[in-house]
Amino acid sequence: MKLSVIIPAFNEEATIADVLRRVADVDAHTEVIVIDDSSTDHTLDEIAKANLREVQVIRHRVNRGKGAAVRSGLAAATGDVIVIQDGDLEYHPADFIRMLKPIQAGEARVVYGYRDFSSQRWMLRAGNRALTMLTNALYGVGIRDMETCYKMWRREVLDGARLSANGFDIEVELTAAFVKRGERIVQMPIAYNAREAKKLRWWVDGPQAVIQLIRYRFFA
């Protein structure tokens, strides 16, 4: 199986090279697609300095958000399986191998890696738990971490889906799409170290996620 690793990146000069090296160390057939979301720092230079072959870079001329970056990556991906990787060091790509196993075995077509939130600031931790609880209540599922970056799925699961999210609400839209298509989501623990400075604005992105959860459930 070919694994397409989609990496949205905005001003990740301090970490993007390490992320790419970690992905390159994964013992799997991968293609790596980095979407530079109009970074204003040296993210592109650091990607070049990593000097890794077969890394495709897509550049947005203006900053459009994580969701738009993911959608650009999906349009370019050619793998059998898709996974999203952030451009920082919160997650570890070594977990891809465990997440791939139930897909390779035909046990599931969608796998979520769920986090231990103990390293997060209390506000983000509370927000993540609240959004996950709301997801479960609205959609009748038992997800442990709706907002996790590590969502992995077989490419055909979203064939024909018209994703439209531009921001962090891509996590909501993907989850809603999987559930509405009747997919069983296998979940497993993953390594996670919360970063101190987050681009996510809880006072904006939190309410937006709530609105989108309701919209995708009842009106989309």
N, C-alpha and C. Protein backbone atom coordinates (compact mmCIF):
# COMPACT_ATOMS: atom_id res chain seq x y z
N MET A 1 0.83 -1.20 0.00
CA MET A 1 0.00 0.00 0.00
C MET A 1 0.87 1.25 0.00
N LYS A 2 0.46 2.20 -0.78
CA LYS A 2 1.16 3.49 -0.83
C LYS A 2 0.45 4.46 0.10
N LEU A 3 1.22 5.07 0.99
CA LEU A 3 0.68 6.00 1.98
C LEU A 3 1.01 7.43 1.58
N SER A 4 -0.03 8.24 1.37
CA SER A 4 0.16 9.66 1.08
C SER A 4 0.13 10.44 2.39
N VAL A 5 1.22 11.11 2.70
CA VAL A 5 1.33 11.90 3.92
C VAL A 5 1.16 13.37 3.55
N ILE A 6 0.06 13.97 3.98
CA ILE A 6 -0.24 15.36 3.67
C ILE A 6 0.17 16.23 4.85
N ILE A 7 1.05 17.20 4.59
CA ILE A 7 1.60 18.03 5.67
C ILE A 7 1.28 19.50 5.41
N PRO A 8 0.21 20.03 6.02
CA PRO A 8 -0.02 21.48 5.94
C PRO A 8 1.03 22.19 6.79
N ALA A 9 1.59 23.27 6.27
CA ALA A 9 2.64 23.97 7.02
C ALA A 9 2.50 25.48 6.84
N PHE A 10 2.46 26.17 7.96
CA PHE A 10 2.45 27.63 7.94
C PHE A 10 3.42 28.13 9.01
N ASN A 11 4.51 28.74 8.57
CA ASN A 11 5.55 29.26 9.48
C ASN A 11 6.05 28.19 10.45
N GLU A 12 6.57 27.12 9.88
CA GLU A 12 7.09 26.00 10.68
C GLU A 12 8.59 25.81 10.46
N GLU A 13 9.34 26.92 10.29
CA GLU A 13 10.76 26.81 9.98
C GLU A 13 11.55 26.07 11.07
N ALA A 14 11.10 26.14 12.30
CA ALA A 14 11.85 25.53 13.40
C ALA A 14 11.70 24.01 13.44
N THR A 15 10.66 23.47 12.80
CA THR A 15 10.37 22.05 12.98
C THR A 15 10.18 21.26 11.69
N ILE A 16 9.90 21.91 10.58
CA ILE A 16 9.49 21.18 9.39
C ILE A 16 10.53 20.20 8.89
N ALA A 17 11.82 20.54 8.98
CA ALA A 17 12.86 19.61 8.52
C ALA A 17 12.88 18.35 9.37
N ASP A 18 12.73 18.50 10.68
CA ASP A 18 12.69 17.33 11.57
C ASP A 18 11.46 16.48 11.29
N VAL A 19 10.34 17.12 11.03
CA VAL A 19 9.13 16.37 10.69
C VAL A 19 9.35 15.54 9.43
N LEU A 20 9.93 16.15 8.41
CA LEU A 20 10.17 15.43 7.17
C LEU A 20 11.12 14.26 7.36
N ARG A 21 12.13 14.45 8.18
CA ARG A 21 13.07 13.35 8.45
C ARG A 21 12.36 12.21 9.19
N ARG A 22 11.49 12.57 10.13
CA ARG A 22 10.75 11.53 10.86
C ARG A 22 9.84 10.75 9.91
N VAL A 23 9.20 11.46 9.00
CA VAL A 23 8.34 10.78 8.03
C VAL A 23 9.19 9.89 7.13
N ALA A 24 10.35 10.37 6.72
CA ALA A 24 11.23 9.58 5.85
C ALA A 24 11.71 8.31 6.53
N ASP A 25 11.78 8.32 7.86
CA ASP A 25 12.23 7.15 8.61
C ASP A 25 11.16 6.06 8.74
N VAL A 26 9.92 6.39 8.40
CA VAL A 26 8.84 5.41 8.51
C VAL A 26 9.05 4.30 7.47
N ASP A 27 8.98 3.06 7.93
CA ASP A 27 9.21 1.92 7.06
C ASP A 27 7.92 1.58 6.30
N ALA A 28 7.62 2.41 5.32
CA ALA A 28 6.42 2.22 4.50
C ALA A 28 6.65 2.89 3.16
N HIS A 29 5.85 2.48 2.19
CA HIS A 29 5.91 3.12 0.87
C HIS A 29 5.11 4.41 0.94
N THR A 30 5.80 5.54 0.96
CA THR A 30 5.13 6.81 1.18
C THR A 30 5.37 7.80 0.05
N GLU A 31 4.43 8.70 -0.11
CA GLU A 31 4.65 9.93 -0.85
C GLU A 31 4.36 11.06 0.12
N VAL A 32 5.16 12.10 0.09
CA VAL A 32 5.05 13.20 1.03
C VAL A 32 4.67 14.46 0.28
N ILE A 33 3.58 15.08 0.70
CA ILE A 33 3.10 16.30 0.06
C ILE A 33 3.02 17.39 1.12
N VAL A 34 3.88 18.40 0.98
CA VAL A 34 3.87 19.53 1.90
C VAL A 34 3.13 20.68 1.25
N ILE A 35 2.16 21.23 1.94
CA ILE A 35 1.45 22.40 1.45
C ILE A 35 1.90 23.59 2.27
N ASP A 36 2.71 24.43 1.67
CA ASP A 36 3.16 25.64 2.35
C ASP A 36 2.07 26.70 2.20
N ASP A 37 1.43 27.02 3.30
CA ASP A 37 0.26 27.89 3.26
C ASP A 37 0.66 29.36 3.34
N SER A 38 1.51 29.75 2.39
CA SER A 38 2.00 31.13 2.29
C SER A 38 2.77 31.56 3.54
N SER A 39 3.74 30.72 3.93
CA SER A 39 4.57 31.05 5.09
C SER A 39 5.35 32.33 4.86
N THR A 40 5.56 33.07 5.93
CA THR A 40 6.33 34.32 5.86
C THR A 40 7.71 34.16 6.48
N ASP A 41 8.05 32.96 6.91
CA ASP A 41 9.37 32.71 7.49
C ASP A 41 10.19 31.87 6.51
N HIS A 42 11.09 31.04 7.01
CA HIS A 42 11.99 30.27 6.14
C HIS A 42 11.56 28.81 6.02
N THR A 43 10.25 28.55 6.10
CA THR A 43 9.77 27.17 5.98
C THR A 43 10.23 26.52 4.68
N LEU A 44 10.09 27.21 3.57
CA LEU A 44 10.49 26.64 2.29
C LEU A 44 11.98 26.35 2.23
N ASP A 45 12.79 27.24 2.80
CA ASP A 45 14.24 27.02 2.83
C ASP A 45 14.58 25.78 3.64
N GLU A 46 13.88 25.60 4.76
CA GLU A 46 14.16 24.44 5.62
C GLU A 46 13.75 23.14 4.94
N ILE A 47 12.69 23.18 4.16
CA ILE A 47 12.30 21.99 3.41
C ILE A 47 13.40 21.63 2.42
N ALA A 48 13.94 22.63 1.75
CA ALA A 48 15.02 22.38 0.79
C ALA A 48 16.28 21.86 1.49
N LYS A 49 16.59 22.43 2.66
CA LYS A 49 17.78 22.02 3.39
C LYS A 49 17.68 20.57 3.89
N ALA A 50 16.46 20.11 4.12
CA ALA A 50 16.29 18.72 4.57
C ALA A 50 16.80 17.75 3.52
N ASN A 51 16.80 18.19 2.25
CA ASN A 51 17.40 17.44 1.15
C ASN A 51 16.86 16.01 1.05
N LEU A 52 15.55 15.90 1.13
CA LEU A 52 14.90 14.61 1.03
C LEU A 52 14.26 14.47 -0.34
N ARG A 53 14.48 13.35 -0.96
CA ARG A 53 13.91 13.11 -2.28
C ARG A 53 12.42 12.83 -2.19
N GLU A 54 11.74 13.05 -3.28
CA GLU A 54 10.33 12.70 -3.41
C GLU A 54 9.43 13.41 -2.40
N VAL A 55 9.78 14.64 -2.09
CA VAL A 55 8.90 15.49 -1.30
C VAL A 55 8.29 16.51 -2.25
N GLN A 56 7.00 16.44 -2.44
CA GLN A 56 6.30 17.38 -3.32
C GLN A 56 5.85 18.59 -2.50
N VAL A 57 6.13 19.77 -2.99
CA VAL A 57 5.76 20.99 -2.28
C VAL A 57 4.74 21.76 -3.11
N ILE A 58 3.62 22.06 -2.48
CA ILE A 58 2.59 22.91 -3.08
C ILE A 58 2.55 24.20 -2.29
N ARG A 59 2.57 25.32 -2.96
CA ARG A 59 2.58 26.60 -2.25
C ARG A 59 1.32 27.39 -2.53
N HIS A 60 0.65 27.80 -1.46
CA HIS A 60 -0.47 28.73 -1.59
C HIS A 60 0.07 30.16 -1.64
N ARG A 61 -0.42 30.94 -2.57
CA ARG A 61 0.06 32.32 -2.70
C ARG A 61 -0.43 33.20 -1.55
N VAL A 62 -1.58 32.84 -0.99
CA VAL A 62 -2.10 33.55 0.18
C VAL A 62 -2.44 32.51 1.24
N ASN A 63 -2.42 32.93 2.49
CA ASN A 63 -2.74 32.01 3.58
C ASN A 63 -4.22 31.67 3.55
N ARG A 64 -4.53 30.39 3.45
CA ARG A 64 -5.93 29.96 3.30
C ARG A 64 -6.42 29.10 4.44
N GLY A 65 -5.52 28.59 5.29
CA GLY A 65 -5.94 27.79 6.42
C GLY A 65 -5.65 26.31 6.26
N LYS A 66 -5.71 25.58 7.38
CA LYS A 66 -5.35 24.16 7.38
C LYS A 66 -6.27 23.35 6.48
N GLY A 67 -7.57 23.63 6.54
CA GLY A 67 -8.49 22.86 5.73
C GLY A 67 -8.22 23.00 4.25
N ALA A 68 -7.95 24.22 3.81
CA ALA A 68 -7.63 24.45 2.40
C ALA A 68 -6.34 23.74 2.02
N ALA A 69 -5.37 23.72 2.94
CA ALA A 69 -4.11 23.01 2.67
C ALA A 69 -4.35 21.52 2.54
N VAL A 70 -5.17 20.97 3.42
CA VAL A 70 -5.49 19.54 3.34
C VAL A 70 -6.17 19.23 2.01
N ARG A 71 -7.09 20.07 1.59
CA ARG A 71 -7.79 19.84 0.34
C ARG A 71 -6.84 19.90 -0.86
N SER A 72 -5.88 20.82 -0.82
CA SER A 72 -4.87 20.88 -1.88
C SER A 72 -4.04 19.61 -1.90
N GLY A 73 -3.70 19.12 -0.71
CA GLY A 73 -2.94 17.88 -0.62
C GLY A 73 -3.72 16.69 -1.15
N LEU A 74 -5.00 16.62 -0.82
CA LEU A 74 -5.84 15.52 -1.30
C LEU A 74 -5.94 15.52 -2.82
N ALA A 75 -6.00 16.70 -3.41
CA ALA A 75 -6.10 16.79 -4.87
C ALA A 75 -4.85 16.26 -5.55
N ALA A 76 -3.72 16.33 -4.85
CA ALA A 76 -2.45 15.88 -5.44
C ALA A 76 -2.07 14.46 -5.05
N ALA A 77 -2.72 13.91 -4.03
CA ALA A 77 -2.33 12.60 -3.49
C ALA A 77 -2.67 11.47 -4.46
N THR A 78 -1.79 10.48 -4.52
CA THR A 78 -1.99 9.32 -5.39
C THR A 78 -1.95 8.01 -4.62
N GLY A 79 -1.82 8.06 -3.30
CA GLY A 79 -1.68 6.86 -2.49
C GLY A 79 -2.98 6.10 -2.30
N ASP A 80 -2.85 4.86 -1.83
CA ASP A 80 -4.01 4.04 -1.48
C ASP A 80 -4.61 4.48 -0.16
N VAL A 81 -3.75 5.02 0.71
CA VAL A 81 -4.15 5.44 2.05
C VAL A 81 -3.67 6.86 2.28
N ILE A 82 -4.48 7.65 2.97
CA ILE A 82 -4.16 9.06 3.24
C ILE A 82 -3.98 9.25 4.74
N VAL A 83 -3.03 10.08 5.13
CA VAL A 83 -2.90 10.48 6.53
C VAL A 83 -2.43 11.93 6.57
N ILE A 84 -2.87 12.65 7.60
CA ILE A 84 -2.48 14.05 7.77
C ILE A 84 -1.42 14.14 8.86
N GLN A 85 -0.39 14.93 8.61
CA GLN A 85 0.70 15.14 9.56
C GLN A 85 0.91 16.64 9.74
N ASP A 86 0.85 17.14 10.97
CA ASP A 86 1.12 18.55 11.21
C ASP A 86 2.60 18.85 10.99
N GLY A 87 2.91 20.13 10.78
CA GLY A 87 4.29 20.54 10.52
C GLY A 87 5.11 20.80 11.75
N ASP A 88 4.54 20.50 12.94
CA ASP A 88 5.31 20.66 14.17
C ASP A 88 5.66 19.27 14.73
N LEU A 89 6.14 19.24 15.96
CA LEU A 89 6.62 17.98 16.53
C LEU A 89 5.69 17.43 17.61
N GLU A 90 4.41 17.79 17.54
CA GLU A 90 3.45 17.27 18.53
C GLU A 90 3.21 15.76 18.34
N TYR A 91 3.22 15.32 17.11
CA TYR A 91 2.91 13.92 16.80
C TYR A 91 4.17 13.22 16.28
N HIS A 92 4.16 11.88 16.32
CA HIS A 92 5.32 11.15 15.83
C HIS A 92 4.91 10.19 14.72
N PRO A 93 5.45 10.37 13.52
CA PRO A 93 5.07 9.52 12.38
C PRO A 93 5.33 8.03 12.57
N ALA A 94 6.12 7.64 13.55
CA ALA A 94 6.32 6.21 13.80
C ALA A 94 4.99 5.51 14.07
N ASP A 95 4.00 6.27 14.53
CA ASP A 95 2.68 5.69 14.80
C ASP A 95 1.94 5.29 13.53
N PHE A 96 2.40 5.76 12.38
CA PHE A 96 1.73 5.40 11.13
C PHE A 96 1.68 3.88 10.94
N ILE A 97 2.75 3.21 11.32
CA ILE A 97 2.84 1.76 11.08
C ILE A 97 1.73 1.03 11.83
N ARG A 98 1.51 1.37 13.09
CA ARG A 98 0.44 0.71 13.87
C ARG A 98 -0.93 1.07 13.30
N MET A 99 -1.08 2.33 12.89
CA MET A 99 -2.37 2.74 12.37
C MET A 99 -2.69 2.06 11.03
N LEU A 100 -1.68 1.75 10.27
CA LEU A 100 -1.88 1.10 8.98
C LEU A 100 -2.36 -0.35 9.11
N LYS A 101 -2.00 -1.00 10.19
CA LYS A 101 -2.24 -2.45 10.30
C LYS A 101 -3.70 -2.83 10.14
N PRO A 102 -4.66 -2.19 10.84
CA PRO A 102 -6.05 -2.60 10.64
C PRO A 102 -6.57 -2.31 9.23
N ILE A 103 -6.01 -1.30 8.58
CA ILE A 103 -6.40 -1.02 7.19
C ILE A 103 -5.85 -2.10 6.27
N GLN A 104 -4.59 -2.46 6.47
CA GLN A 104 -3.97 -3.50 5.64
C GLN A 104 -4.66 -4.84 5.83
N ALA A 105 -5.14 -5.08 7.06
CA ALA A 105 -5.80 -6.35 7.37
C ALA A 105 -7.25 -6.38 6.92
N GLY A 106 -7.75 -5.25 6.42
CA GLY A 106 -9.14 -5.19 5.99
C GLY A 106 -10.13 -5.10 7.12
N GLU A 107 -9.66 -4.74 8.32
CA GLU A 107 -10.54 -4.65 9.48
C GLU A 107 -11.28 -3.32 9.54
N ALA A 108 -10.74 -2.30 8.90
CA ALA A 108 -11.35 -0.97 8.89
C ALA A 108 -10.77 -0.18 7.74
N ARG A 109 -11.48 0.88 7.37
CA ARG A 109 -10.97 1.77 6.33
C ARG A 109 -10.61 3.14 6.87
N VAL A 110 -10.95 3.39 8.14
CA VAL A 110 -10.63 4.66 8.79
C VAL A 110 -10.04 4.38 10.16
N VAL A 111 -8.92 5.03 10.48
CA VAL A 111 -8.27 4.85 11.78
C VAL A 111 -7.94 6.23 12.34
N TYR A 112 -8.28 6.44 13.62
CA TYR A 112 -7.93 7.67 14.33
C TYR A 112 -6.90 7.34 15.41
N GLY A 113 -5.89 8.19 15.53
CA GLY A 113 -4.98 8.09 16.65
C GLY A 113 -5.42 9.07 17.73
N TYR A 114 -5.70 8.57 18.92
CA TYR A 114 -6.17 9.47 19.98
C TYR A 114 -5.04 9.81 20.94
N ARG A 115 -5.11 11.05 21.46
CA ARG A 115 -4.03 11.61 22.26
C ARG A 115 -4.28 11.50 23.76
N ASP A 116 -3.19 11.51 24.51
CA ASP A 116 -3.23 11.76 25.95
C ASP A 116 -3.10 13.27 26.12
N PHE A 117 -4.14 13.90 26.66
CA PHE A 117 -4.19 15.36 26.71
C PHE A 117 -3.42 15.97 27.89
N SER A 118 -2.73 15.16 28.66
CA SER A 118 -2.13 15.66 29.90
C SER A 118 -1.08 16.74 29.64
N SER A 119 -0.49 16.78 28.45
CA SER A 119 0.53 17.79 28.17
C SER A 119 -0.07 19.09 27.65
N GLN A 120 -1.38 19.12 27.43
CA GLN A 120 -2.02 20.33 26.92
C GLN A 120 -2.37 21.30 28.04
N ARG A 121 -2.46 22.57 27.69
CA ARG A 121 -2.98 23.56 28.62
C ARG A 121 -4.44 23.24 28.90
N TRP A 122 -4.89 23.58 30.11
CA TRP A 122 -6.20 23.14 30.54
C TRP A 122 -7.32 23.64 29.64
N MET A 123 -7.19 24.85 29.08
CA MET A 123 -8.25 25.38 28.22
C MET A 123 -8.39 24.55 26.94
N LEU A 124 -7.27 24.23 26.31
CA LEU A 124 -7.32 23.42 25.10
C LEU A 124 -7.80 22.01 25.41
N ARG A 125 -7.34 21.48 26.54
CA ARG A 125 -7.76 20.13 26.94
C ARG A 125 -9.27 20.07 27.14
N ALA A 126 -9.79 21.07 27.85
CA ALA A 126 -11.24 21.12 28.09
C ALA A 126 -12.01 21.28 26.78
N GLY A 127 -11.48 22.12 25.89
CA GLY A 127 -12.14 22.33 24.61
C GLY A 127 -12.16 21.08 23.76
N ASN A 128 -11.04 20.36 23.70
CA ASN A 128 -10.99 19.12 22.93
C ASN A 128 -11.98 18.10 23.46
N ARG A 129 -12.05 17.98 24.76
CA ARG A 129 -12.97 17.01 25.35
C ARG A 129 -14.41 17.39 25.11
N ALA A 130 -14.71 18.69 25.20
CA ALA A 130 -16.09 19.15 24.99
C ALA A 130 -16.52 18.90 23.54
N LEU A 131 -15.63 19.21 22.58
CA LEU A 131 -15.98 19.00 21.18
C LEU A 131 -16.16 17.52 20.86
N THR A 132 -15.34 16.68 21.47
CA THR A 132 -15.48 15.25 21.25
C THR A 132 -16.80 14.74 21.84
N MET A 133 -17.15 15.21 23.03
CA MET A 133 -18.42 14.81 23.63
C MET A 133 -19.60 15.26 22.77
N LEU A 134 -19.53 16.47 22.24
CA LEU A 134 -20.61 16.96 21.40
C LEU A 134 -20.71 16.14 20.11
N THR A 135 -19.57 15.79 19.55
CA THR A 135 -19.56 14.94 18.36
C THR A 135 -20.27 13.63 18.62
N ASN A 136 -19.93 13.00 19.73
CA ASN A 136 -20.53 11.71 20.06
C ASN A 136 -22.03 11.83 20.28
N ALA A 137 -22.45 12.92 20.93
CA ALA A 137 -23.88 13.11 21.19
C ALA A 137 -24.65 13.36 19.89
N LEU A 138 -24.10 14.17 19.00
CA LEU A 138 -24.79 14.51 17.76
C LEU A 138 -24.80 13.37 16.75
N TYR A 139 -23.70 12.63 16.68
CA TYR A 139 -23.55 11.64 15.62
C TYR A 139 -23.73 10.20 16.10
N GLY A 140 -23.92 10.01 17.40
CA GLY A 140 -24.15 8.67 17.91
C GLY A 140 -22.97 7.74 17.79
N VAL A 141 -21.78 8.29 18.01
CA VAL A 141 -20.55 7.49 17.91
C VAL A 141 -19.81 7.52 19.25
N GLY A 142 -18.69 6.84 19.31
CA GLY A 142 -17.90 6.78 20.53
C GLY A 142 -16.46 7.17 20.28
N ILE A 143 -16.25 8.31 19.65
CA ILE A 143 -14.90 8.78 19.32
C ILE A 143 -14.22 9.32 20.57
N ARG A 144 -12.93 9.08 20.71
CA ARG A 144 -12.18 9.52 21.88
C ARG A 144 -11.48 10.86 21.66
N ASP A 145 -11.23 11.21 20.40
CA ASP A 145 -10.48 12.43 20.12
C ASP A 145 -10.84 12.90 18.71
N MET A 146 -11.91 13.67 18.61
CA MET A 146 -12.39 14.10 17.29
C MET A 146 -11.39 15.02 16.61
N GLU A 147 -10.71 15.87 17.37
CA GLU A 147 -9.83 16.89 16.80
C GLU A 147 -8.43 16.38 16.49
N THR A 148 -8.16 15.11 16.68
CA THR A 148 -6.83 14.59 16.41
C THR A 148 -6.38 14.88 14.98
N CYS A 149 -5.12 15.22 14.82
CA CYS A 149 -4.56 15.39 13.48
C CYS A 149 -4.44 14.04 12.78
N TYR A 150 -4.10 13.01 13.55
CA TYR A 150 -3.83 11.70 12.95
C TYR A 150 -5.11 10.97 12.58
N LYS A 151 -5.63 11.35 11.41
CA LYS A 151 -6.74 10.66 10.78
C LYS A 151 -6.17 9.96 9.56
N MET A 152 -6.40 8.66 9.45
CA MET A 152 -5.89 7.87 8.34
C MET A 152 -7.06 7.12 7.71
N TRP A 153 -7.11 7.13 6.38
CA TRP A 153 -8.23 6.45 5.73
C TRP A 153 -7.84 5.97 4.33
N ARG A 154 -8.54 4.94 3.89
CA ARG A 154 -8.36 4.49 2.51
C ARG A 154 -8.89 5.55 1.58
N ARG A 155 -8.18 5.78 0.53
CA ARG A 155 -8.48 6.87 -0.38
C ARG A 155 -9.93 6.86 -0.87
N GLU A 156 -10.45 5.65 -1.19
CA GLU A 156 -11.77 5.58 -1.80
C GLU A 156 -12.90 5.96 -0.84
N VAL A 157 -12.62 6.01 0.46
CA VAL A 157 -13.65 6.36 1.43
C VAL A 157 -14.28 7.71 1.11
N LEU A 158 -13.47 8.67 0.67
CA LEU A 158 -13.98 10.00 0.40
C LEU A 158 -14.11 10.31 -1.09
N ASP A 159 -14.09 9.26 -1.91
CA ASP A 159 -14.30 9.48 -3.34
C ASP A 159 -15.65 10.17 -3.55
N GLY A 160 -15.64 11.25 -4.28
CA GLY A 160 -16.86 11.98 -4.56
C GLY A 160 -17.25 13.00 -3.50
N ALA A 161 -16.56 12.99 -2.36
CA ALA A 161 -16.88 13.95 -1.30
C ALA A 161 -16.41 15.34 -1.71
N ARG A 162 -17.22 16.32 -1.41
CA ARG A 162 -16.86 17.70 -1.73
C ARG A 162 -16.53 18.45 -0.44
N LEU A 163 -15.31 18.30 0.00
CA LEU A 163 -14.88 18.98 1.21
C LEU A 163 -14.76 20.48 0.95
N SER A 164 -15.13 21.29 1.93
CA SER A 164 -15.12 22.74 1.72
C SER A 164 -14.47 23.51 2.86
N ALA A 165 -14.13 22.84 3.98
CA ALA A 165 -13.57 23.54 5.13
C ALA A 165 -12.23 24.17 4.78
N ASN A 166 -12.01 25.37 5.27
CA ASN A 166 -10.74 26.06 5.05
C ASN A 166 -9.85 26.08 6.27
N GLY A 167 -10.44 26.09 7.45
CA GLY A 167 -9.67 26.24 8.68
C GLY A 167 -9.53 24.94 9.45
N PHE A 168 -9.44 25.06 10.78
CA PHE A 168 -9.31 23.87 11.62
C PHE A 168 -10.59 23.05 11.65
N ASP A 169 -11.67 23.60 11.12
CA ASP A 169 -12.92 22.84 11.06
C ASP A 169 -12.85 21.70 10.05
N ILE A 170 -11.72 21.54 9.38
CA ILE A 170 -11.53 20.37 8.53
C ILE A 170 -11.65 19.09 9.35
N GLU A 171 -11.26 19.14 10.64
CA GLU A 171 -11.36 17.96 11.49
C GLU A 171 -12.83 17.56 11.66
N VAL A 172 -13.68 18.55 11.82
CA VAL A 172 -15.12 18.30 11.94
C VAL A 172 -15.67 17.73 10.64
N GLU A 173 -15.30 18.36 9.53
CA GLU A 173 -15.85 17.93 8.24
C GLU A 173 -15.43 16.51 7.89
N LEU A 174 -14.18 16.17 8.14
CA LEU A 174 -13.72 14.81 7.86
C LEU A 174 -14.47 13.80 8.72
N THR A 175 -14.60 14.10 10.01
CA THR A 175 -15.29 13.18 10.91
C THR A 175 -16.75 13.00 10.48
N ALA A 176 -17.42 14.10 10.18
CA ALA A 176 -18.81 14.02 9.74
C ALA A 176 -18.92 13.18 8.46
N ALA A 177 -17.98 13.36 7.54
CA ALA A 177 -18.02 12.61 6.29
C ALA A 177 -17.84 11.12 6.53
N PHE A 178 -16.90 10.75 7.40
CA PHE A 178 -16.68 9.33 7.69
C PHE A 178 -17.92 8.70 8.33
N VAL A 179 -18.49 9.39 9.31
CA VAL A 179 -19.64 8.84 10.03
C VAL A 179 -20.85 8.74 9.11
N LYS A 180 -21.10 9.77 8.31
CA LYS A 180 -22.26 9.75 7.42
C LYS A 180 -22.14 8.67 6.35
N ARG A 181 -20.92 8.27 6.04
CA ARG A 181 -20.72 7.21 5.05
C ARG A 181 -20.70 5.83 5.68
N GLY A 182 -20.99 5.79 6.97
CA GLY A 182 -21.12 4.51 7.66
C GLY A 182 -19.81 3.82 7.99
N GLU A 183 -18.73 4.57 8.02
CA GLU A 183 -17.43 3.95 8.31
C GLU A 183 -17.25 3.68 9.79
N ARG A 184 -16.73 2.53 10.10
CA ARG A 184 -16.34 2.22 11.47
C ARG A 184 -14.95 2.79 11.71
N ILE A 185 -14.82 3.63 12.71
CA ILE A 185 -13.54 4.28 12.98
C ILE A 185 -12.80 3.51 14.07
N VAL A 186 -11.71 2.86 13.68
CA VAL A 186 -10.85 2.18 14.64
C VAL A 186 -9.98 3.24 15.31
N GLN A 187 -9.79 3.12 16.62
CA GLN A 187 -9.03 4.12 17.37
C GLN A 187 -7.89 3.45 18.15
N MET A 188 -6.76 4.14 18.20
CA MET A 188 -5.63 3.62 18.96
C MET A 188 -4.82 4.77 19.54
N PRO A 189 -4.18 4.55 20.70
CA PRO A 189 -3.38 5.62 21.32
C PRO A 189 -2.14 5.93 20.51
N ILE A 190 -1.75 7.20 20.54
CA ILE A 190 -0.56 7.64 19.81
C ILE A 190 0.30 8.50 20.73
N ALA A 191 1.56 8.67 20.36
CA ALA A 191 2.46 9.57 21.09
C ALA A 191 2.06 11.01 20.81
N TYR A 192 2.12 11.85 21.85
CA TYR A 192 1.70 13.25 21.68
C TYR A 192 2.40 14.12 22.70
N ASN A 193 2.99 15.21 22.22
CA ASN A 193 3.61 16.21 23.09
C ASN A 193 3.12 17.58 22.65
N ALA A 194 2.23 18.18 23.44
CA ALA A 194 1.60 19.44 23.05
C ALA A 194 2.64 20.54 22.91
N ARG A 195 2.49 21.34 21.86
CA ARG A 195 3.36 22.49 21.68
C ARG A 195 2.84 23.64 22.53
N GLU A 196 3.74 24.50 22.93
CA GLU A 196 3.36 25.61 23.81
C GLU A 196 2.60 26.70 23.05
N ALA A 197 3.10 27.07 21.88
CA ALA A 197 2.46 28.13 21.10
C ALA A 197 1.62 27.49 20.00
N LYS A 198 0.31 27.69 20.06
CA LYS A 198 -0.61 27.10 19.09
C LYS A 198 -1.15 28.17 18.15
N LYS A 199 -1.32 27.79 16.88
CA LYS A 199 -1.95 28.70 15.93
C LYS A 199 -3.47 28.71 16.11
N LEU A 200 -3.98 27.65 16.69
CA LEU A 200 -5.41 27.57 16.93
C LEU A 200 -5.84 28.63 17.94
N ARG A 201 -6.91 29.34 17.63
CA ARG A 201 -7.47 30.36 18.52
C ARG A 201 -8.73 29.78 19.14
N TRP A 202 -8.66 29.34 20.38
CA TRP A 202 -9.78 28.60 20.96
C TRP A 202 -11.06 29.43 21.01
N TRP A 203 -10.91 30.75 21.18
CA TRP A 203 -12.09 31.60 21.31
C TRP A 203 -12.80 31.81 19.98
N VAL A 204 -12.09 31.51 18.86
CA VAL A 204 -12.69 31.59 17.53
C VAL A 204 -12.96 30.20 16.98
N ASP A 205 -11.92 29.35 17.00
CA ASP A 205 -12.02 28.04 16.37
C ASP A 205 -12.93 27.09 17.15
N GLY A 206 -13.01 27.26 18.47
CA GLY A 206 -13.90 26.41 19.26
C GLY A 206 -15.36 26.60 18.89
N PRO A 207 -15.88 27.84 18.97
CA PRO A 207 -17.26 28.08 18.56
C PRO A 207 -17.52 27.71 17.10
N GLN A 208 -16.53 27.95 16.24
CA GLN A 208 -16.69 27.59 14.83
C GLN A 208 -16.87 26.08 14.69
N ALA A 209 -16.12 25.31 15.46
CA ALA A 209 -16.25 23.85 15.40
C ALA A 209 -17.63 23.40 15.85
N VAL A 210 -18.17 24.04 16.89
CA VAL A 210 -19.52 23.71 17.36
C VAL A 210 -20.54 23.97 16.26
N ILE A 211 -20.45 25.13 15.63
CA ILE A 211 -21.38 25.48 14.56
C ILE A 211 -21.29 24.48 13.42
N GLN A 212 -20.08 24.10 13.07
CA GLN A 212 -19.90 23.18 11.96
C GLN A 212 -20.38 21.77 12.31
N LEU A 213 -20.18 21.34 13.54
CA LEU A 213 -20.69 20.04 13.96
C LEU A 213 -22.20 19.97 13.75
N ILE A 214 -22.88 21.04 14.14
CA ILE A 214 -24.34 21.09 13.98
C ILE A 214 -24.72 21.18 12.51
N ARG A 215 -23.99 22.00 11.76
CA ARG A 215 -24.31 22.18 10.33
C ARG A 215 -24.15 20.88 9.56
N TYR A 216 -22.99 20.19 9.75
CA TYR A 216 -22.77 18.96 9.01
C TYR A 216 -23.74 17.86 9.43
N ARG A 217 -24.21 17.92 10.68
CA ARG A 217 -25.14 16.89 11.15
C ARG A 217 -26.54 17.08 10.59
N PHE A 218 -26.99 18.30 10.51
CA PHE A 218 -28.40 18.53 10.17
C PHE A 218 -28.65 19.23 8.83
N PHE A 219 -27.65 19.92 8.30
CA PHE A 219 -27.93 20.78 7.15
C PHE A 219 -27.02 20.52 5.95
N ALA A 220 -26.09 19.61 6.06
CA ALA A 220 -25.16 19.36 4.94
C ALA A 220 -25.37 17.97 4.34
